[in-house]
Amino acid sequence: CDDDDGGGGDDDHRPLLKLTVSDDGPGLSAAVQARLFTAFVQEEGSRAHSATGTSGVGLWLVKTLCDASGGGVVARNREPHGAEFVARFGVAAAWRDNSVACAAATTATEP
């Protein structure tokens, strides 16, 4: 896997769906990056500590799904500021089969 880009490097020859999300916030500290994909971990001061907050499983779930599909996910800081998350999901072998892909495309476009 190509750890710099969310797994699934060119050597793997696997079709992957790549999703990149970035922001222009303060970025991620080294301490946060070290535990970012751990279940139930939340950064102090995040909205999770409010009455309408979250449980801290979102990024853990993304990593679990990416890894299970043969992909991966990475988080990194952007210059001059901000963070970027790159998630790669392995595409099922059935999707590569033309008949399945054509049927799915036809179904998606029908009224």
C-alpha atoms as a PDB file:
ATOM      1  CA  CYS A   1       0.000   0.000   0.000  1.00  0.00           C
ATOM      2  CA  ASP A   2       1.041   3.550  -0.664  1.00  0.00           C
ATOM      3  CA  ASP A   3       0.792   5.077   2.820  1.00  0.00           C
ATOM      4  CA  ASP A   4       1.216   8.593   1.457  1.00  0.00           C
ATOM      5  CA  ASP A   5      -2.078   8.428  -0.401  1.00  0.00           C
ATOM      6  CA  GLY A   6      -4.468   6.263   1.560  1.00  0.00           C
ATOM      7  CA  GLY A   7      -3.306   2.825   0.460  1.00  0.00           C
ATOM      8  CA  GLY A   8      -3.767   0.849  -2.713  1.00  0.00           C
ATOM      9  CA  GLY A   9      -0.700   1.953  -4.621  1.00  0.00           C
ATOM     10  CA  ASP A  10      -0.087   1.289  -8.307  1.00  0.00           C
ATOM     11  CA  ASP A  11       1.731  -1.964  -7.489  1.00  0.00           C
ATOM     12  CA  ASP A  12      -1.531  -3.470  -6.221  1.00  0.00           C
ATOM     13  CA  HIS A  13      -3.387  -3.219  -9.570  1.00  0.00           C
ATOM     14  CA  ARG A  14      -6.691  -3.000  -7.704  1.00  0.00           C
ATOM     15  CA  PRO A  15      -9.382  -0.533  -8.669  1.00  0.00           C
ATOM     16  CA  LEU A  16      -9.963   1.907  -5.820  1.00  0.00           C
ATOM     17  CA  LEU A  17     -12.434   4.661  -5.135  1.00  0.00           C
ATOM     18  CA  LYS A  18     -10.562   7.686  -3.810  1.00  0.00           C
ATOM     19  CA  LEU A  19     -12.245  10.307  -1.605  1.00  0.00           C
ATOM     20  CA  THR A  20     -10.327  13.392  -0.487  1.00  0.00           C
ATOM     21  CA  VAL A  21     -11.636  15.814   2.131  1.00  0.00           C
ATOM     22  CA  SER A  22      -9.693  18.908   3.133  1.00  0.00           C
ATOM     23  CA  ASP A  23     -10.198  22.066   5.154  1.00  0.00           C
ATOM     24  CA  ASP A  24      -8.395  25.319   5.886  1.00  0.00           C
ATOM     25  CA  GLY A  25      -8.501  25.050   9.693  1.00  0.00           C
ATOM     26  CA  PRO A  26      -5.564  24.914  12.096  1.00  0.00           C
ATOM     27  CA  GLY A  27      -4.427  21.431  11.041  1.00  0.00           C
ATOM     28  CA  LEU A  28      -3.720  18.388  13.197  1.00  0.00           C
ATOM     29  CA  SER A  29      -1.237  18.270  16.047  1.00  0.00           C
ATOM     30  CA  ALA A  30       1.122  15.290  16.267  1.00  0.00           C
ATOM     31  CA  ALA A  31      -0.742  14.099  19.386  1.00  0.00           C
ATOM     32  CA  VAL A  32      -4.082  14.155  17.570  1.00  0.00           C
ATOM     33  CA  GLN A  33      -2.661  12.441  14.482  1.00  0.00           C
ATOM     34  CA  ALA A  34      -1.275   9.623  16.632  1.00  0.00           C
ATOM     35  CA  ARG A  35      -4.743   8.636  17.904  1.00  0.00           C
ATOM     36  CA  LEU A  36      -7.001  10.009  15.195  1.00  0.00           C
ATOM     37  CA  PHE A  37      -8.350   6.673  13.944  1.00  0.00           C
ATOM     38  CA  THR A  38      -8.937   5.157  17.405  1.00  0.00           C
ATOM     39  CA  ALA A  39     -12.559   4.466  18.381  1.00  0.00           C
ATOM     40  CA  PHE A  40     -14.144   6.789  20.945  1.00  0.00           C
ATOM     41  CA  VAL A  41     -11.243   9.228  20.920  1.00  0.00           C
ATOM     42  CA  GLN A  42     -12.159  12.889  20.610  1.00  0.00           C
ATOM     43  CA  GLU A  43     -10.080  16.028  20.652  1.00  0.00           C
ATOM     44  CA  GLU A  44     -10.559  18.142  23.761  1.00  0.00           C
ATOM     45  CA  GLY A  45     -12.699  21.178  22.965  1.00  0.00           C
ATOM     46  CA  SER A  46     -14.375  19.549  19.969  1.00  0.00           C
ATOM     47  CA  ARG A  47     -18.122  19.694  19.408  1.00  0.00           C
ATOM     48  CA  ALA A  48     -18.270  16.164  20.778  1.00  0.00           C
ATOM     49  CA  HIS A  49     -18.171  17.578  24.268  1.00  0.00           C
ATOM     50  CA  SER A  50     -21.387  19.526  23.747  1.00  0.00           C
ATOM     51  CA  ALA A  51     -24.903  18.227  24.397  1.00  0.00           C
ATOM     52  CA  THR A  52     -25.424  17.598  20.655  1.00  0.00           C
ATOM     53  CA  GLY A  53     -21.976  16.072  20.086  1.00  0.00           C
ATOM     54  CA  THR A  54     -20.814  12.839  18.537  1.00  0.00           C
ATOM     55  CA  SER A  55     -19.353   9.616  19.912  1.00  0.00           C
ATOM     56  CA  GLY A  56     -15.897   9.667  18.310  1.00  0.00           C
ATOM     57  CA  VAL A  57     -16.324   6.678  16.010  1.00  0.00           C
ATOM     58  CA  GLY A  58     -16.507   8.397  12.600  1.00  0.00           C
ATOM     59  CA  LEU A  59     -12.847   8.293  11.582  1.00  0.00           C
ATOM     60  CA  TRP A  60     -12.388   4.870  13.186  1.00  0.00           C
ATOM     61  CA  LEU A  61     -15.289   3.609  11.057  1.00  0.00           C
ATOM     62  CA  VAL A  62     -13.799   5.129   7.886  1.00  0.00           C
ATOM     63  CA  LYS A  63     -10.458   3.421   8.598  1.00  0.00           C
ATOM     64  CA  THR A  64     -12.148   0.105   9.379  1.00  0.00           C
ATOM     65  CA  LEU A  65     -14.149   0.170   6.124  1.00  0.00           C
ATOM     66  CA  CYS A  66     -11.188   1.280   4.013  1.00  0.00           C
ATOM     67  CA  ASP A  67      -8.907  -1.389   5.477  1.00  0.00           C
ATOM     68  CA  ALA A  68     -11.547  -4.113   5.109  1.00  0.00           C
ATOM     69  CA  SER A  69     -12.015  -3.278   1.430  1.00  0.00           C
ATOM     70  CA  GLY A  70      -8.297  -3.446   0.663  1.00  0.00           C
ATOM     71  CA  GLY A  71      -7.797   0.317   0.664  1.00  0.00           C
ATOM     72  CA  GLY A  72      -6.641   2.637   3.404  1.00  0.00           C
ATOM     73  CA  VAL A  73      -6.889   6.130   4.812  1.00  0.00           C
ATOM     74  CA  VAL A  74      -4.376   8.799   5.793  1.00  0.00           C
ATOM     75  CA  ALA A  75      -4.597  12.185   7.443  1.00  0.00           C
ATOM     76  CA  ARG A  76      -2.021  14.902   6.952  1.00  0.00           C
ATOM     77  CA  ASN A  77      -1.536  18.610   7.351  1.00  0.00           C
ATOM     78  CA  ARG A  78      -1.729  20.957   4.386  1.00  0.00           C
ATOM     79  CA  GLU A  79       0.509  23.964   3.837  1.00  0.00           C
ATOM     80  CA  PRO A  80       0.153  26.708   4.927  1.00  0.00           C
ATOM     81  CA  HIS A  81      -2.681  25.405   7.137  1.00  0.00           C
ATOM     82  CA  GLY A  82      -5.499  22.921   7.232  1.00  0.00           C
ATOM     83  CA  ALA A  83      -5.882  19.165   7.174  1.00  0.00           C
ATOM     84  CA  GLU A  84      -6.485  16.630   4.423  1.00  0.00           C
ATOM     85  CA  PHE A  85      -7.942  13.137   4.644  1.00  0.00           C
ATOM     86  CA  VAL A  86      -7.505  10.708   1.758  1.00  0.00           C
ATOM     87  CA  ALA A  87      -9.642   7.561   1.889  1.00  0.00           C
ATOM     88  CA  ARG A  88      -9.369   4.770  -0.661  1.00  0.00           C
ATOM     89  CA  PHE A  89     -12.010   2.068  -0.809  1.00  0.00           C
ATOM     90  CA  GLY A  90     -11.376  -1.175  -2.704  1.00  0.00           C
ATOM     91  CA  VAL A  91     -13.892  -1.773  -5.496  1.00  0.00           C
ATOM     92  CA  ALA A  92     -15.580  -5.176  -5.410  1.00  0.00           C
ATOM     93  CA  ALA A  93     -14.634  -7.654  -8.133  1.00  0.00           C
ATOM     94  CA  ALA A  94     -18.285  -7.821  -9.228  1.00  0.00           C
ATOM     95  CA  TRP A  95     -18.226  -4.125 -10.069  1.00  0.00           C
ATOM     96  CA  ARG A  96     -15.427  -4.747 -12.556  1.00  0.00           C
ATOM     97  CA  ASP A  97     -17.695  -7.164 -14.425  1.00  0.00           C
ATOM     98  CA  ASN A  98     -19.219  -5.175 -17.307  1.00  0.00           C
ATOM     99  CA  SER A  99     -22.674  -6.702 -16.993  1.00  0.00           C
ATOM    100  CA  VAL A 100     -22.948  -5.692 -13.342  1.00  0.00           C
ATOM    101  CA  ALA A 101     -21.618  -2.202 -14.030  1.00  0.00           C
ATOM    102  CA  CYS A 102     -23.994  -1.696 -16.969  1.00  0.00           C
ATOM    103  CA  ALA A 103     -26.981  -2.961 -14.974  1.00  0.00           C
ATOM    104  CA  ALA A 104     -26.124  -0.643 -12.091  1.00  0.00           C
ATOM    105  CA  ALA A 105     -25.705   2.339 -14.416  1.00  0.00           C
ATOM    106  CA  THR A 106     -29.020   1.607 -16.158  1.00  0.00           C
ATOM    107  CA  THR A 107     -30.864   1.229 -12.865  1.00  0.00           C
ATOM    108  CA  ALA A 108     -29.418   4.489 -11.564  1.00  0.00           C
ATOM    109  CA  THR A 109     -30.633   6.447 -14.595  1.00  0.00           C
ATOM    110  CA  GLU A 110     -34.128   4.996 -14.885  1.00  0.00           C
ATOM    111  CA  PRO A 111     -37.013   7.156 -13.603  1.00  0.00           C
END
